[in-house]
């Protein structure tokens, strides 16, 4: 008992550990959390000293986390969720009303589902209806007044003054590292469907700059495009969070840590993709106190974690 009494699971250290998992390393976790790399390292080392075990593997080529670190991460997710829910429960108000919320498919497969579930438990009188569509479709629904708000992807240069930016990501041309591309002729293109603004940019602006693309695979799901890239079916546009080991970045700046090094082959005239931003965009209508509260919770959570991690 005395041994347990001398040990502590510091909340900030657990949050740093989770950010390392979400962002693939200490450097990117520190940037996401708004801390220095040394500050994040210190939190982890202090936690390791308290628990008297290594949580991160520091051997070249080894997995990022030790077995003890992987075990602690499972508990950390539950501890942090309960911690944050307890804080919110002490400040909640008697909210009531209805929210029509739009989400993209990739945001439903993140921590956002957990955030929405917690909001529903804290505010049972608020009816939240979620509609999942592609970003372009959600923007059109907002303009028609069919949604109160939506979390959508936009190109960085398309962010509006009224948008609440949650986080930003890079967009990259990628292929399987073992795939040999043709020296001439069209490049096999793995595309989302017609409602995808990646696709529209690639086929419209990309073609104008001389890149000849032939769509050989079309899928509305990010998971489907990732699988097609890994299978070596062609090139695709993927954001930072969807790049996997074994993928090769063909064009763009991959210096932000955790991404594969860019290929020396630029595949003809593939233009560098624009940056991405995930934003909360609201309809032009009267204020909704329930929506104000939900948006504030989402923004606070994303600020703490530096993004929305993909569910595994």
C-alpha atoms as a PDB file:
ATOM      1  CA  UNK A   1       0.000   0.000   0.000  1.00  0.00           C
ATOM      2  CA  UNK A   2       2.796   2.412   0.869  1.00  0.00           C
ATOM      3  CA  UNK A   3       4.359   1.753  -2.549  1.00  0.00           C
ATOM      4  CA  UNK A   4       1.107   2.636  -4.308  1.00  0.00           C
ATOM      5  CA  UNK A   5       0.685   5.765  -2.189  1.00  0.00           C
ATOM      6  CA  UNK A   6       4.012   7.088  -3.465  1.00  0.00           C
ATOM      7  CA  UNK A   7       3.004   6.777  -7.134  1.00  0.00           C
ATOM      8  CA  UNK A   8       0.882   9.175  -9.153  1.00  0.00           C
ATOM      9  CA  UNK A   9      -0.615   9.167 -12.648  1.00  0.00           C
ATOM     10  CA  UNK A  10      -0.273  12.820 -13.575  1.00  0.00           C
ATOM     11  CA  UNK A  11      -3.071  13.955 -15.908  1.00  0.00           C
ATOM     12  CA  UNK A  12      -0.835  16.216 -17.997  1.00  0.00           C
ATOM     13  CA  UNK A  13       1.705  13.411 -18.404  1.00  0.00           C
ATOM     14  CA  UNK A  14      -1.012  11.004 -19.530  1.00  0.00           C
ATOM     15  CA  UNK A  15      -2.225  13.628 -21.999  1.00  0.00           C
ATOM     16  CA  UNK A  16       1.311  13.993 -23.359  1.00  0.00           C
ATOM     17  CA  UNK A  17       1.629  10.217 -23.679  1.00  0.00           C
ATOM     18  CA  UNK A  18      -1.626  10.020 -25.626  1.00  0.00           C
ATOM     19  CA  UNK A  19      -0.513  12.868 -27.902  1.00  0.00           C
ATOM     20  CA  UNK A  20       2.704  10.959 -28.680  1.00  0.00           C
ATOM     21  CA  UNK A  21       0.584   8.001 -29.805  1.00  0.00           C
ATOM     22  CA  UNK A  22      -1.793  10.188 -31.805  1.00  0.00           C
ATOM     23  CA  UNK A  23       0.911  12.139 -33.616  1.00  0.00           C
ATOM     24  CA  UNK A  24       3.593   9.464 -33.942  1.00  0.00           C
ATOM     25  CA  UNK A  25       6.403  10.972 -31.894  1.00  0.00           C
ATOM     26  CA  UNK A  26       7.488  13.490 -29.277  1.00  0.00           C
ATOM     27  CA  UNK A  27       8.305  16.292 -31.731  1.00  0.00           C
ATOM     28  CA  UNK A  28       4.894  16.326 -33.415  1.00  0.00           C
ATOM     29  CA  UNK A  29       3.108  15.786 -30.078  1.00  0.00           C
ATOM     30  CA  UNK A  30       4.874  18.813 -28.617  1.00  0.00           C
ATOM     31  CA  UNK A  31       3.857  20.953 -31.593  1.00  0.00           C
ATOM     32  CA  UNK A  32       0.244  19.796 -31.305  1.00  0.00           C
ATOM     33  CA  UNK A  33       0.128  20.501 -27.559  1.00  0.00           C
ATOM     34  CA  UNK A  34       1.836  23.875 -27.887  1.00  0.00           C
ATOM     35  CA  UNK A  35       4.781  22.732 -25.752  1.00  0.00           C
ATOM     36  CA  UNK A  36       8.497  22.352 -26.307  1.00  0.00           C
ATOM     37  CA  UNK A  37       9.919  18.932 -27.079  1.00  0.00           C
ATOM     38  CA  UNK A  38      11.902  19.010 -23.832  1.00  0.00           C
ATOM     39  CA  UNK A  39       8.736  19.768 -21.836  1.00  0.00           C
ATOM     40  CA  UNK A  40       6.955  16.725 -23.274  1.00  0.00           C
ATOM     41  CA  UNK A  41      10.031  14.532 -22.705  1.00  0.00           C
ATOM     42  CA  UNK A  42      10.245  15.747 -19.103  1.00  0.00           C
ATOM     43  CA  UNK A  43       6.605  14.858 -18.432  1.00  0.00           C
ATOM     44  CA  UNK A  44       7.125  11.342 -19.770  1.00  0.00           C
ATOM     45  CA  UNK A  45      10.396  10.798 -17.884  1.00  0.00           C
ATOM     46  CA  UNK A  46       8.819  12.021 -14.653  1.00  0.00           C
ATOM     47  CA  UNK A  47       5.949   9.571 -15.157  1.00  0.00           C
ATOM     48  CA  UNK A  48       8.417   6.758 -15.888  1.00  0.00           C
ATOM     49  CA  UNK A  49      10.320   7.592 -12.694  1.00  0.00           C
ATOM     50  CA  UNK A  50       7.102   7.538 -10.667  1.00  0.00           C
ATOM     51  CA  UNK A  51       6.089   4.157 -12.103  1.00  0.00           C
ATOM     52  CA  UNK A  52       9.657   2.786 -12.128  1.00  0.00           C
ATOM     53  CA  UNK A  53       9.379   1.481 -15.691  1.00  0.00           C
ATOM     54  CA  UNK A  54      10.069   2.607 -19.258  1.00  0.00           C
ATOM     55  CA  UNK A  55       7.035   3.706 -21.249  1.00  0.00           C
ATOM     56  CA  UNK A  56       8.798   4.738 -24.456  1.00  0.00           C
ATOM     57  CA  UNK A  57      11.298   2.554 -26.263  1.00  0.00           C
ATOM     58  CA  UNK A  58      14.447   4.467 -27.091  1.00  0.00           C
ATOM     59  CA  UNK A  59      16.162   1.755 -29.121  1.00  0.00           C
ATOM     60  CA  UNK A  60      16.606   2.432 -32.867  1.00  0.00           C
ATOM     61  CA  UNK A  61      14.129   0.471 -34.963  1.00  0.00           C
ATOM     62  CA  UNK A  62      12.010  -0.568 -31.978  1.00  0.00           C
ATOM     63  CA  UNK A  63       8.309   0.136 -31.537  1.00  0.00           C
ATOM     64  CA  UNK A  64       7.553   3.572 -30.127  1.00  0.00           C
ATOM     65  CA  UNK A  65       6.021   2.282 -26.898  1.00  0.00           C
ATOM     66  CA  UNK A  66       7.167  -0.473 -24.571  1.00  0.00           C
ATOM     67  CA  UNK A  67       4.748  -3.161 -23.443  1.00  0.00           C
ATOM     68  CA  UNK A  68       4.179  -1.196 -20.224  1.00  0.00           C
ATOM     69  CA  UNK A  69       3.555   1.942 -22.270  1.00  0.00           C
ATOM     70  CA  UNK A  70       0.960   0.194 -24.423  1.00  0.00           C
ATOM     71  CA  UNK A  71      -0.795  -1.084 -21.294  1.00  0.00           C
ATOM     72  CA  UNK A  72      -0.838   2.377 -19.730  1.00  0.00           C
ATOM     73  CA  UNK A  73      -2.236   3.964 -22.913  1.00  0.00           C
ATOM     74  CA  UNK A  74      -5.373   1.836 -22.617  1.00  0.00           C
ATOM     75  CA  UNK A  75      -5.951   3.101 -19.088  1.00  0.00           C
ATOM     76  CA  UNK A  76      -4.974   6.654 -20.043  1.00  0.00           C
ATOM     77  CA  UNK A  77      -7.782   6.891 -22.590  1.00  0.00           C
ATOM     78  CA  UNK A  78     -10.363   5.968 -19.950  1.00  0.00           C
ATOM     79  CA  UNK A  79      -8.803   8.105 -17.207  1.00  0.00           C
ATOM     80  CA  UNK A  80      -8.654  11.203 -19.414  1.00  0.00           C
ATOM     81  CA  UNK A  81     -12.218  10.698 -20.636  1.00  0.00           C
ATOM     82  CA  UNK A  82     -13.544  10.456 -17.063  1.00  0.00           C
ATOM     83  CA  UNK A  83     -11.373  13.352 -15.910  1.00  0.00           C
ATOM     84  CA  UNK A  84     -12.635  15.661 -18.661  1.00  0.00           C
ATOM     85  CA  UNK A  85     -16.232  14.522 -18.228  1.00  0.00           C
ATOM     86  CA  UNK A  86     -16.064  15.219 -14.492  1.00  0.00           C
ATOM     87  CA  UNK A  87     -14.810  18.757 -15.152  1.00  0.00           C
ATOM     88  CA  UNK A  88     -17.582  19.389 -17.653  1.00  0.00           C
ATOM     89  CA  UNK A  89     -20.251  17.998 -15.312  1.00  0.00           C
ATOM     90  CA  UNK A  90     -19.341  20.612 -12.691  1.00  0.00           C
ATOM     91  CA  UNK A  91     -19.907  23.454 -15.157  1.00  0.00           C
ATOM     92  CA  UNK A  92     -22.840  22.147 -17.186  1.00  0.00           C
ATOM     93  CA  UNK A  93     -26.056  24.091 -17.541  1.00  0.00           C
ATOM     94  CA  UNK A  94     -29.619  22.973 -18.154  1.00  0.00           C
ATOM     95  CA  UNK A  95     -29.293  23.080 -21.922  1.00  0.00           C
ATOM     96  CA  UNK A  96     -32.158  22.009 -24.133  1.00  0.00           C
ATOM     97  CA  UNK A  97     -32.829  22.196 -27.820  1.00  0.00           C
ATOM     98  CA  UNK A  98     -31.929  20.606 -31.118  1.00  0.00           C
ATOM     99  CA  UNK A  99     -28.711  20.546 -33.142  1.00  0.00           C
ATOM    100  CA  UNK A 100     -28.459  19.482 -36.779  1.00  0.00           C
ATOM    101  CA  UNK A 101     -24.764  18.626 -37.139  1.00  0.00           C
ATOM    102  CA  UNK A 102     -22.890  17.573 -40.268  1.00  0.00           C
ATOM    103  CA  UNK A 103     -19.735  15.444 -40.166  1.00  0.00           C
ATOM    104  CA  UNK A 104     -17.431  13.931 -42.752  1.00  0.00           C
ATOM    105  CA  UNK A 105     -16.775  10.201 -42.760  1.00  0.00           C
ATOM    106  CA  UNK A 106     -13.225  10.522 -41.477  1.00  0.00           C
ATOM    107  CA  UNK A 107     -14.236  12.659 -38.478  1.00  0.00           C
ATOM    108  CA  UNK A 108     -16.786  10.058 -37.370  1.00  0.00           C
ATOM    109  CA  UNK A 109     -13.878   7.599 -37.062  1.00  0.00           C
ATOM    110  CA  UNK A 110     -12.073   9.773 -34.498  1.00  0.00           C
ATOM    111  CA  UNK A 111     -12.295  10.940 -30.906  1.00  0.00           C
ATOM    112  CA  UNK A 112     -15.226  13.080 -32.006  1.00  0.00           C
ATOM    113  CA  UNK A 113     -17.630  10.185 -31.502  1.00  0.00           C
ATOM    114  CA  UNK A 114     -16.511   9.967 -27.873  1.00  0.00           C
ATOM    115  CA  UNK A 115     -16.931  13.748 -27.452  1.00  0.00           C
ATOM    116  CA  UNK A 116     -20.486  13.610 -28.838  1.00  0.00           C
ATOM    117  CA  UNK A 117     -21.346  10.689 -26.586  1.00  0.00           C
ATOM    118  CA  UNK A 118     -20.111  12.566 -23.532  1.00  0.00           C
ATOM    119  CA  UNK A 119     -22.059  15.687 -24.554  1.00  0.00           C
ATOM    120  CA  UNK A 120     -25.243  13.631 -24.832  1.00  0.00           C
ATOM    121  CA  UNK A 121     -24.757  12.179 -21.336  1.00  0.00           C
ATOM    122  CA  UNK A 122     -24.136  15.625 -19.860  1.00  0.00           C
ATOM    123  CA  UNK A 123     -27.021  17.300 -21.709  1.00  0.00           C
ATOM    124  CA  UNK A 124     -29.776  14.717 -22.226  1.00  0.00           C
ATOM    125  CA  UNK A 125     -32.288  17.457 -23.116  1.00  0.00           C
ATOM    126  CA  UNK A 126     -30.323  18.384 -26.242  1.00  0.00           C
ATOM    127  CA  UNK A 127     -31.285  16.386 -29.324  1.00  0.00           C
ATOM    128  CA  UNK A 128     -28.252  16.070 -31.626  1.00  0.00           C
ATOM    129  CA  UNK A 129     -28.908  14.708 -35.096  1.00  0.00           C
ATOM    130  CA  UNK A 130     -25.761  13.883 -37.068  1.00  0.00           C
ATOM    131  CA  UNK A 131     -25.655  13.623 -40.869  1.00  0.00           C
ATOM    132  CA  UNK A 132     -22.506  12.215 -42.491  1.00  0.00           C
ATOM    133  CA  UNK A 133     -21.649  13.466 -45.977  1.00  0.00           C
ATOM    134  CA  UNK A 134     -18.678  14.618 -48.047  1.00  0.00           C
ATOM    135  CA  UNK A 135     -17.368  18.118 -47.246  1.00  0.00           C
ATOM    136  CA  UNK A 136     -18.738  19.725 -50.422  1.00  0.00           C
ATOM    137  CA  UNK A 137     -22.210  18.294 -49.767  1.00  0.00           C
ATOM    138  CA  UNK A 138     -22.139  19.516 -46.164  1.00  0.00           C
ATOM    139  CA  UNK A 139     -21.216  23.026 -47.292  1.00  0.00           C
ATOM    140  CA  UNK A 140     -24.173  23.033 -49.687  1.00  0.00           C
ATOM    141  CA  UNK A 141     -26.492  21.818 -46.917  1.00  0.00           C
ATOM    142  CA  UNK A 142     -25.292  24.657 -44.685  1.00  0.00           C
ATOM    143  CA  UNK A 143     -26.052  27.191 -47.402  1.00  0.00           C
ATOM    144  CA  UNK A 144     -29.574  25.762 -47.745  1.00  0.00           C
ATOM    145  CA  UNK A 145     -30.144  25.929 -43.979  1.00  0.00           C
ATOM    146  CA  UNK A 146     -30.459  22.146 -43.612  1.00  0.00           C
ATOM    147  CA  UNK A 147     -27.742  22.056 -40.941  1.00  0.00           C
ATOM    148  CA  UNK A 148     -26.928  24.244 -37.947  1.00  0.00           C
ATOM    149  CA  UNK A 149     -23.198  23.515 -38.218  1.00  0.00           C
ATOM    150  CA  UNK A 150     -20.766  21.088 -39.786  1.00  0.00           C
ATOM    151  CA  UNK A 151     -17.195  20.002 -39.205  1.00  0.00           C
ATOM    152  CA  UNK A 152     -15.703  20.051 -42.670  1.00  0.00           C
ATOM    153  CA  UNK A 153     -12.375  20.000 -44.461  1.00  0.00           C
ATOM    154  CA  UNK A 154     -11.471  22.991 -46.590  1.00  0.00           C
ATOM    155  CA  UNK A 155      -8.297  24.103 -48.307  1.00  0.00           C
ATOM    156  CA  UNK A 156      -6.374  26.482 -46.041  1.00  0.00           C
ATOM    157  CA  UNK A 157      -6.922  29.403 -48.393  1.00  0.00           C
ATOM    158  CA  UNK A 158     -10.708  28.828 -48.248  1.00  0.00           C
ATOM    159  CA  UNK A 159     -11.067  29.366 -44.480  1.00  0.00           C
ATOM    160  CA  UNK A 160     -13.710  32.031 -43.803  1.00  0.00           C
ATOM    161  CA  UNK A 161     -13.440  34.689 -41.053  1.00  0.00           C
ATOM    162  CA  UNK A 162     -16.417  33.152 -39.202  1.00  0.00           C
ATOM    163  CA  UNK A 163     -14.986  29.600 -39.307  1.00  0.00           C
ATOM    164  CA  UNK A 164     -13.541  28.089 -36.131  1.00  0.00           C
ATOM    165  CA  UNK A 165     -10.325  26.344 -37.193  1.00  0.00           C
ATOM    166  CA  UNK A 166      -9.855  23.134 -35.210  1.00  0.00           C
ATOM    167  CA  UNK A 167      -6.529  22.045 -36.712  1.00  0.00           C
ATOM    168  CA  UNK A 168      -4.563  22.026 -39.943  1.00  0.00           C
ATOM    169  CA  UNK A 169      -3.017  19.187 -41.948  1.00  0.00           C
ATOM    170  CA  UNK A 170      -0.881  18.655 -44.985  1.00  0.00           C
ATOM    171  CA  UNK A 171      -2.183  17.046 -48.175  1.00  0.00           C
ATOM    172  CA  UNK A 172       0.196  14.817 -50.135  1.00  0.00           C
ATOM    173  CA  UNK A 173       0.514  12.824 -53.338  1.00  0.00           C
ATOM    174  CA  UNK A 174       1.300   9.257 -52.234  1.00  0.00           C
ATOM    175  CA  UNK A 175       1.798   5.777 -53.643  1.00  0.00           C
ATOM    176  CA  UNK A 176       2.976   2.412 -52.387  1.00  0.00           C
ATOM    177  CA  UNK A 177       6.761   2.496 -52.059  1.00  0.00           C
ATOM    178  CA  UNK A 178       7.190  -0.483 -54.380  1.00  0.00           C
ATOM    179  CA  UNK A 179       4.937   0.790 -57.153  1.00  0.00           C
ATOM    180  CA  UNK A 180       6.688   1.689 -60.417  1.00  0.00           C
ATOM    181  CA  UNK A 181       4.887   4.488 -62.234  1.00  0.00           C
ATOM    182  CA  UNK A 182       4.880   4.884 -66.020  1.00  0.00           C
ATOM    183  CA  UNK A 183       7.561   7.134 -67.499  1.00  0.00           C
ATOM    184  CA  UNK A 184       5.014   8.560 -69.928  1.00  0.00           C
ATOM    185  CA  UNK A 185       1.281   8.600 -70.369  1.00  0.00           C
ATOM    186  CA  UNK A 186      -1.386   9.018 -67.703  1.00  0.00           C
ATOM    187  CA  UNK A 187      -0.793   8.239 -64.030  1.00  0.00           C
ATOM    188  CA  UNK A 188      -3.231   5.793 -62.394  1.00  0.00           C
ATOM    189  CA  UNK A 189      -5.266   7.944 -59.985  1.00  0.00           C
ATOM    190  CA  UNK A 190      -7.093   6.621 -56.912  1.00  0.00           C
ATOM    191  CA  UNK A 191      -9.933   9.041 -56.362  1.00  0.00           C
ATOM    192  CA  UNK A 192     -12.687   9.816 -53.941  1.00  0.00           C
ATOM    193  CA  UNK A 193     -16.086  10.319 -55.576  1.00  0.00           C
ATOM    194  CA  UNK A 194     -17.477  13.314 -57.477  1.00  0.00           C
ATOM    195  CA  UNK A 195     -18.401  15.147 -54.252  1.00  0.00           C
ATOM    196  CA  UNK A 196     -14.748  15.251 -53.102  1.00  0.00           C
ATOM    197  CA  UNK A 197     -12.897  18.545 -53.391  1.00  0.00           C
ATOM    198  CA  UNK A 198      -9.530  16.711 -53.488  1.00  0.00           C
ATOM    199  CA  UNK A 199     -10.724  15.071 -56.710  1.00  0.00           C
ATOM    200  CA  UNK A 200     -11.998  18.310 -58.219  1.00  0.00           C
ATOM    201  CA  UNK A 201      -8.721  20.072 -57.483  1.00  0.00           C
ATOM    202  CA  UNK A 202      -6.635  17.202 -58.887  1.00  0.00           C
ATOM    203  CA  UNK A 203      -8.634  16.855 -62.094  1.00  0.00           C
ATOM    204  CA  UNK A 204      -9.265  20.560 -62.710  1.00  0.00           C
ATOM    205  CA  UNK A 205      -6.263  22.508 -61.438  1.00  0.00           C
ATOM    206  CA  UNK A 206      -3.905  19.545 -61.649  1.00  0.00           C
ATOM    207  CA  UNK A 207      -4.733  18.923 -65.290  1.00  0.00           C
ATOM    208  CA  UNK A 208      -4.269  22.592 -66.078  1.00  0.00           C
ATOM    209  CA  UNK A 209      -0.701  22.364 -64.787  1.00  0.00           C
ATOM    210  CA  UNK A 210       0.090  19.423 -67.061  1.00  0.00           C
ATOM    211  CA  UNK A 211      -0.473  16.366 -64.854  1.00  0.00           C
ATOM    212  CA  UNK A 212      -2.334  13.700 -66.812  1.00  0.00           C
ATOM    213  CA  UNK A 213      -4.371  11.497 -64.468  1.00  0.00           C
ATOM    214  CA  UNK A 214      -6.502   8.488 -65.298  1.00  0.00           C
ATOM    215  CA  UNK A 215      -8.978   7.505 -62.596  1.00  0.00           C
ATOM    216  CA  UNK A 216      -8.642   3.744 -62.068  1.00  0.00           C
ATOM    217  CA  UNK A 217     -10.259   3.464 -58.634  1.00  0.00           C
ATOM    218  CA  UNK A 218     -13.086   5.510 -57.131  1.00  0.00           C
ATOM    219  CA  UNK A 219     -14.312   5.248 -53.556  1.00  0.00           C
ATOM    220  CA  UNK A 220     -16.099   7.587 -51.113  1.00  0.00           C
ATOM    221  CA  UNK A 221     -14.335   6.062 -48.099  1.00  0.00           C
ATOM    222  CA  UNK A 222     -10.908   7.161 -46.841  1.00  0.00           C
ATOM    223  CA  UNK A 223     -10.299   3.594 -45.660  1.00  0.00           C
ATOM    224  CA  UNK A 224     -10.924   2.354 -49.199  1.00  0.00           C
ATOM    225  CA  UNK A 225      -8.439   4.813 -50.720  1.00  0.00           C
ATOM    226  CA  UNK A 226      -5.808   3.907 -48.091  1.00  0.00           C
ATOM    227  CA  UNK A 227      -6.262   0.206 -48.887  1.00  0.00           C
ATOM    228  CA  UNK A 228      -5.976   0.871 -52.641  1.00  0.00           C
ATOM    229  CA  UNK A 229      -2.726   2.823 -52.160  1.00  0.00           C
ATOM    230  CA  UNK A 230      -1.293   0.043 -50.001  1.00  0.00           C
ATOM    231  CA  UNK A 231      -2.255  -2.473 -52.681  1.00  0.00           C
ATOM    232  CA  UNK A 232      -0.207  -0.537 -55.237  1.00  0.00           C
ATOM    233  CA  UNK A 233      -3.094   0.426 -57.511  1.00  0.00           C
ATOM    234  CA  UNK A 234      -1.921   3.985 -58.189  1.00  0.00           C
ATOM    235  CA  UNK A 235      -1.362   7.451 -56.740  1.00  0.00           C
ATOM    236  CA  UNK A 236      -3.754   9.284 -54.429  1.00  0.00           C
ATOM    237  CA  UNK A 237      -4.149  12.456 -52.418  1.00  0.00           C
ATOM    238  CA  UNK A 238      -4.111  11.726 -48.677  1.00  0.00           C
ATOM    239  CA  UNK A 239      -3.857  13.927 -45.603  1.00  0.00           C
ATOM    240  CA  UNK A 240      -1.246  13.501 -42.875  1.00  0.00           C
ATOM    241  CA  UNK A 241      -3.394  11.266 -40.666  1.00  0.00           C
ATOM    242  CA  UNK A 242      -4.027   8.709 -43.405  1.00  0.00           C
ATOM    243  CA  UNK A 243      -0.414   8.142 -44.469  1.00  0.00           C
ATOM    244  CA  UNK A 244       0.758   4.676 -43.455  1.00  0.00           C
ATOM    245  CA  UNK A 245       4.101   2.860 -43.305  1.00  0.00           C
ATOM    246  CA  UNK A 246       5.007   1.621 -46.768  1.00  0.00           C
ATOM    247  CA  UNK A 247       3.589   4.703 -48.495  1.00  0.00           C
ATOM    248  CA  UNK A 248       5.849   7.094 -50.376  1.00  0.00           C
ATOM    249  CA  UNK A 249       5.226  10.844 -50.528  1.00  0.00           C
ATOM    250  CA  UNK A 250       5.703  11.941 -54.141  1.00  0.00           C
ATOM    251  CA  UNK A 251       5.396  15.658 -53.882  1.00  0.00           C
ATOM    252  CA  UNK A 252       5.094  18.176 -51.064  1.00  0.00           C
ATOM    253  CA  UNK A 253       6.765  19.149 -47.802  1.00  0.00           C
ATOM    254  CA  UNK A 254       7.014  16.167 -45.467  1.00  0.00           C
ATOM    255  CA  UNK A 255       9.440  17.831 -43.061  1.00  0.00           C
ATOM    256  CA  UNK A 256       6.935  18.047 -40.225  1.00  0.00           C
ATOM    257  CA  UNK A 257       8.095  14.767 -38.692  1.00  0.00           C
ATOM    258  CA  UNK A 258       6.512  11.347 -38.836  1.00  0.00           C
ATOM    259  CA  UNK A 259       5.916  11.302 -42.606  1.00  0.00           C
ATOM    260  CA  UNK A 260       7.969   9.351 -45.130  1.00  0.00           C
ATOM    261  CA  UNK A 261      10.658  11.328 -46.948  1.00  0.00           C
ATOM    262  CA  UNK A 262       9.486  12.824 -50.259  1.00  0.00           C
ATOM    263  CA  UNK A 263      10.452  10.937 -53.379  1.00  0.00           C
ATOM    264  CA  UNK A 264      12.989  12.483 -55.739  1.00  0.00           C
ATOM    265  CA  UNK A 265      10.641  11.595 -58.600  1.00  0.00           C
ATOM    266  CA  UNK A 266       7.962  14.241 -59.001  1.00  0.00           C
ATOM    267  CA  UNK A 267       6.050  12.212 -61.602  1.00  0.00           C
ATOM    268  CA  UNK A 268       5.940  14.787 -64.318  1.00  0.00           C
ATOM    269  CA  UNK A 269       3.966  17.875 -63.451  1.00  0.00           C
ATOM    270  CA  UNK A 270       2.138  16.848 -60.289  1.00  0.00           C
ATOM    271  CA  UNK A 271       1.411  20.193 -58.598  1.00  0.00           C
ATOM    272  CA  UNK A 272       2.089  20.586 -54.848  1.00  0.00           C
ATOM    273  CA  UNK A 273      -1.264  20.205 -53.040  1.00  0.00           C
ATOM    274  CA  UNK A 274      -2.713  23.010 -50.909  1.00  0.00           C
ATOM    275  CA  UNK A 275      -2.826  22.683 -47.133  1.00  0.00           C
ATOM    276  CA  UNK A 276      -5.990  21.546 -45.354  1.00  0.00           C
ATOM    277  CA  UNK A 277      -7.957  22.919 -42.423  1.00  0.00           C
ATOM    278  CA  UNK A 278     -10.663  21.230 -40.355  1.00  0.00           C
ATOM    279  CA  UNK A 279     -13.203  23.871 -39.355  1.00  0.00           C
ATOM    280  CA  UNK A 280     -16.502  24.216 -37.564  1.00  0.00           C
ATOM    281  CA  UNK A 281     -18.667  26.125 -40.029  1.00  0.00           C
ATOM    282  CA  UNK A 282     -22.055  27.378 -38.902  1.00  0.00           C
ATOM    283  CA  UNK A 283     -25.182  28.271 -40.853  1.00  0.00           C
ATOM    284  CA  UNK A 284     -26.202  31.903 -41.123  1.00  0.00           C
ATOM    285  CA  UNK A 285     -29.006  31.887 -38.579  1.00  0.00           C
ATOM    286  CA  UNK A 286     -29.825  32.864 -34.985  1.00  0.00           C
ATOM    287  CA  UNK A 287     -27.523  31.721 -32.205  1.00  0.00           C
ATOM    288  CA  UNK A 288     -28.128  28.328 -30.658  1.00  0.00           C
ATOM    289  CA  UNK A 289     -26.931  28.035 -27.012  1.00  0.00           C
ATOM    290  CA  UNK A 290     -26.729  24.245 -27.216  1.00  0.00           C
ATOM    291  CA  UNK A 291     -24.623  24.471 -30.377  1.00  0.00           C
ATOM    292  CA  UNK A 292     -22.435  27.144 -28.752  1.00  0.00           C
ATOM    293  CA  UNK A 293     -21.724  24.755 -25.889  1.00  0.00           C
ATOM    294  CA  UNK A 294     -20.994  21.767 -28.130  1.00  0.00           C
ATOM    295  CA  UNK A 295     -18.682  23.810 -30.364  1.00  0.00           C
ATOM    296  CA  UNK A 296     -16.780  25.100 -27.317  1.00  0.00           C
ATOM    297  CA  UNK A 297     -16.317  21.557 -25.998  1.00  0.00           C
ATOM    298  CA  UNK A 298     -15.046  20.296 -29.356  1.00  0.00           C
ATOM    299  CA  UNK A 299     -12.629  23.216 -29.703  1.00  0.00           C
ATOM    300  CA  UNK A 300     -11.315  22.741 -26.157  1.00  0.00           C
ATOM    301  CA  UNK A 301     -10.772  19.016 -26.695  1.00  0.00           C
ATOM    302  CA  UNK A 302      -8.970  19.520 -29.995  1.00  0.00           C
ATOM    303  CA  UNK A 303      -6.806  22.249 -28.463  1.00  0.00           C
ATOM    304  CA  UNK A 304      -5.792  19.930 -25.632  1.00  0.00           C
ATOM    305  CA  UNK A 305      -4.934  16.996 -27.877  1.00  0.00           C
ATOM    306  CA  UNK A 306      -3.743  18.853 -30.987  1.00  0.00           C
ATOM    307  CA  UNK A 307      -6.207  17.165 -33.312  1.00  0.00           C
ATOM    308  CA  UNK A 308      -8.645  14.299 -33.688  1.00  0.00           C
ATOM    309  CA  UNK A 309      -6.930  10.935 -33.575  1.00  0.00           C
ATOM    310  CA  UNK A 310      -8.198   8.121 -35.759  1.00  0.00           C
ATOM    311  CA  UNK A 311      -9.978   5.367 -33.873  1.00  0.00           C
ATOM    312  CA  UNK A 312      -8.233   2.013 -33.910  1.00  0.00           C
END
